[in-house]
Amino acid sequence: MLILASTSPRRRELLAAAGIAFEVREPTADETRLAYESPIDYVLRVAREKAISITALPGDIVLGADTIVCLEGEVLGKPRNRDDARRMLRSLSGRSHWVYTGFCLVSDSRSISDSAATEVLINDLSNEEIEDYLESGEPLDKAGAYAIQGLASKFVREIRGCYHNVVGLPVSRIYRHLRAWSS
């Protein structure tokens, strides 16, 4: 059985849409970025902490994942409030940034950690567009203050890499690991 160590509805939707059977359990992890961690090291550590926080039966595989938005080395997590979301959206406007997801698959006998990176280019956003988007409430619980699969889809000019990674889970990469795991 695959156990998803996440409360993210987007991760549940992605796995379900791919036809991958799973159960959900709420993980615990310290999501504070350590001073010396690169963005990729950070998401890999948090993903592993989430995965190993789950108690599983022998033969179960636990999937932990973490996704961040990174602009020129600055990690843009979930905004603290509306002003922080506004700041993030202004900083992303007209620029390219990276979305990193780290994931970890853990069982009683082995583990695999991997990550995916996707470059996203956002159109120039007017103050009115930013304020209208803030008014929707959508950016307030999303890394980088936007949801590519939601209302912000109209702001995305281009992506280079895995779209599902930006949503929160690089499904194809995870599926390849799961297939190799069972061979």
Protein backbone atom coordinates (compact mmCIF):
# COMPACT_ATOMS: atom_id res chain seq x y z
CA MET A 1 0.00 0.00 0.00
CA LEU A 2 1.22 3.51 -0.82
CA ILE A 3 0.72 5.98 2.02
CA LEU A 4 0.78 9.67 1.17
CA ALA A 5 2.29 11.60 4.09
CA SER A 6 0.59 14.87 3.23
CA THR A 7 -2.51 16.91 3.94
CA SER A 8 -2.31 18.63 0.54
CA PRO A 9 -5.53 18.25 -1.46
CA ARG A 10 -3.54 18.90 -4.64
CA ARG A 11 -1.22 15.96 -4.01
CA ARG A 12 -4.22 13.71 -3.37
CA GLU A 13 -5.85 14.89 -6.60
CA LEU A 14 -2.68 14.30 -8.64
CA LEU A 15 -2.19 10.74 -7.41
CA ALA A 16 -5.88 9.91 -7.83
CA ALA A 17 -5.95 11.35 -11.37
CA ALA A 18 -2.99 9.12 -12.26
CA GLY A 19 -4.86 6.06 -10.99
CA ILE A 20 -2.36 5.39 -8.19
CA ALA A 21 -4.03 3.81 -5.15
CA PHE A 22 -3.03 5.33 -1.82
CA GLU A 23 -4.08 6.19 1.72
CA VAL A 24 -3.47 9.56 3.36
CA ARG A 25 -1.86 10.12 6.75
CA GLU A 26 -0.93 13.44 8.33
CA PRO A 27 2.84 13.78 8.77
CA THR A 28 4.89 15.79 11.22
CA ALA A 29 8.06 17.58 10.16
CA ASP A 30 10.06 20.64 11.05
CA GLU A 31 9.61 22.79 7.95
CA THR A 32 12.01 25.51 9.10
CA ARG A 33 14.76 25.99 6.54
CA LEU A 34 18.20 25.59 8.07
CA ALA A 35 20.70 28.37 7.34
CA TYR A 36 23.11 26.16 5.39
CA GLU A 37 20.47 24.35 3.28
CA SER A 38 20.21 24.88 -0.45
CA PRO A 39 16.60 24.94 -1.73
CA ILE A 40 16.90 21.36 -3.01
CA ASP A 41 18.51 20.08 0.20
CA TYR A 42 15.71 21.78 2.12
CA VAL A 43 12.82 20.12 0.22
CA LEU A 44 14.59 16.75 0.32
CA ARG A 45 15.05 16.96 4.11
CA VAL A 46 11.45 18.00 4.76
CA ALA A 47 10.12 15.29 2.42
CA ARG A 48 12.17 12.65 4.24
CA GLU A 49 11.07 13.91 7.67
CA LYS A 50 7.44 13.72 6.54
CA ALA A 51 7.87 10.19 5.20
CA ILE A 52 9.63 8.78 8.27
CA SER A 53 7.11 10.40 10.64
CA ILE A 54 4.45 7.93 9.47
CA THR A 55 4.04 4.53 11.09
CA ALA A 56 3.51 1.95 8.36
CA LEU A 57 3.00 -1.79 8.13
CA PRO A 58 5.65 -4.05 6.61
CA GLY A 59 5.43 -3.81 2.83
CA ASP A 60 3.85 -0.34 2.85
CA ILE A 61 5.60 2.48 1.02
CA VAL A 62 5.32 5.98 2.46
CA LEU A 63 5.58 9.01 0.18
CA GLY A 64 6.60 12.34 1.70
CA ALA A 65 6.93 15.48 -0.41
CA ASP A 66 7.63 19.18 -0.08
CA THR A 67 7.35 21.94 -2.71
CA ILE A 68 8.85 25.42 -2.69
CA VAL A 69 9.06 28.40 -5.03
CA CYS A 70 12.50 29.93 -5.36
CA LEU A 71 13.33 33.32 -6.87
CA GLU A 72 17.02 34.13 -7.18
CA GLY A 73 17.88 32.04 -4.13
CA GLU A 74 15.02 33.33 -1.97
CA VAL A 75 12.59 30.64 -0.90
CA LEU A 76 9.01 31.85 -1.20
CA GLY A 77 6.95 29.64 1.08
CA LYS A 78 3.32 30.15 1.98
CA PRO A 79 2.70 33.84 2.62
CA ARG A 80 2.31 34.93 6.23
CA ASN A 81 -0.51 37.32 5.33
CA ARG A 82 -2.00 39.33 2.48
CA ASP A 83 0.84 41.88 2.44
CA ASP A 84 3.40 39.09 2.19
CA ALA A 85 1.42 37.52 -0.68
CA ARG A 86 1.34 40.90 -2.45
CA ARG A 87 5.12 41.24 -2.03
CA MET A 88 5.68 37.76 -3.48
CA LEU A 89 3.41 38.35 -6.47
CA ARG A 90 5.11 41.68 -7.24
CA SER A 91 8.52 40.01 -7.04
CA LEU A 92 7.43 37.21 -9.42
CA SER A 93 5.81 39.60 -11.91
CA GLY A 94 7.53 39.54 -15.29
CA ARG A 95 10.21 37.15 -14.06
CA SER A 96 11.28 33.56 -14.18
CA HIS A 97 11.53 31.46 -11.03
CA TRP A 98 12.00 27.81 -10.05
CA VAL A 99 9.66 25.39 -8.33
CA TYR A 100 11.36 22.53 -6.52
CA THR A 101 9.69 19.44 -5.11
CA GLY A 102 11.59 16.97 -3.04
CA PHE A 103 10.08 13.58 -2.38
CA CYS A 104 11.03 10.51 -0.41
CA LEU A 105 9.71 6.97 -0.69
CA VAL A 106 10.31 4.88 2.44
CA SER A 107 9.52 1.28 3.33
CA ASP A 108 10.70 -1.08 6.01
CA SER A 109 13.68 -2.10 3.90
CA ARG A 110 14.73 0.87 1.78
CA SER A 111 14.27 4.49 0.83
CA ILE A 112 14.66 6.67 -2.24
CA SER A 113 14.93 10.46 -2.28
CA ASP A 114 14.65 12.51 -5.45
CA SER A 115 13.62 15.96 -6.60
CA ALA A 116 12.21 17.78 -9.59
CA ALA A 117 12.76 21.35 -10.78
CA THR A 118 10.51 23.35 -13.07
CA GLU A 119 11.13 26.86 -14.37
CA VAL A 120 8.07 29.11 -14.48
CA LEU A 121 7.81 32.48 -16.23
CA ILE A 122 5.09 34.83 -14.98
CA ASN A 123 3.68 37.63 -17.15
CA ASP A 124 3.96 41.23 -16.03
CA LEU A 125 1.19 41.73 -13.48
CA SER A 126 -0.59 45.01 -12.96
CA ASN A 127 -1.41 46.21 -9.46
CA GLU A 128 -5.08 45.63 -10.29
CA GLU A 129 -4.42 42.02 -11.31
CA ILE A 130 -2.50 41.40 -8.08
CA GLU A 131 -5.23 42.98 -5.94
CA ASP A 132 -7.99 41.04 -7.73
CA TYR A 133 -6.06 37.82 -7.23
CA LEU A 134 -5.48 38.60 -3.55
CA GLU A 135 -9.20 39.26 -3.18
CA SER A 136 -9.92 35.69 -4.34
CA GLY A 137 -8.05 34.32 -1.31
CA GLU A 138 -6.33 31.70 -3.47
CA PRO A 139 -2.74 32.87 -2.97
CA LEU A 140 -2.85 32.87 0.83
CA ASP A 141 -2.09 29.17 1.37
CA LYS A 142 0.16 28.47 -1.62
CA ALA A 143 3.93 28.45 -1.86
CA GLY A 144 4.97 31.54 -3.81
CA ALA A 145 1.43 32.95 -3.35
CA TYR A 146 0.00 31.41 -6.52
CA ALA A 147 -1.71 28.27 -7.78
CA ILE A 148 -0.78 27.38 -11.37
CA GLN A 149 -3.82 25.09 -11.58
CA GLY A 150 -6.19 27.80 -10.40
CA LEU A 151 -6.90 31.44 -11.07
CA ALA A 152 -3.19 32.21 -11.51
CA SER A 153 -3.04 30.00 -14.60
CA LYS A 154 -3.76 33.11 -16.68
CA PHE A 155 -0.56 34.73 -15.35
CA VAL A 156 1.80 31.93 -16.45
CA ARG A 157 3.52 32.69 -19.74
CA GLU A 158 5.64 29.55 -19.94
CA ILE A 159 6.90 26.56 -17.99
CA ARG A 160 9.99 24.47 -18.63
CA GLY A 161 9.69 21.11 -16.95
CA CYS A 162 6.96 19.16 -15.24
CA TYR A 163 3.64 20.98 -14.79
CA HIS A 164 2.56 18.55 -12.04
CA ASN A 165 5.71 19.44 -10.12
CA VAL A 166 4.47 23.04 -9.93
CA VAL A 167 1.10 21.82 -8.65
CA GLY A 168 2.94 19.89 -5.94
CA LEU A 169 4.00 16.42 -7.03
CA PRO A 170 6.10 15.21 -10.00
CA VAL A 171 3.79 12.25 -10.60
CA SER A 172 5.64 10.71 -13.56
CA ARG A 173 8.98 10.66 -11.72
CA ILE A 174 7.39 9.16 -8.61
CA TYR A 175 5.57 6.56 -10.71
CA ARG A 176 8.87 5.51 -12.36
CA HIS A 177 10.41 4.99 -8.90
CA LEU A 178 7.39 2.98 -7.73
CA ARG A 179 7.59 0.76 -10.83
CA ALA A 180 11.31 0.18 -10.32
CA TRP A 181 10.68 -0.50 -6.61
CA SER A 182 8.40 -3.44 -7.39
CA SER A 183 10.67 -5.00 -10.05
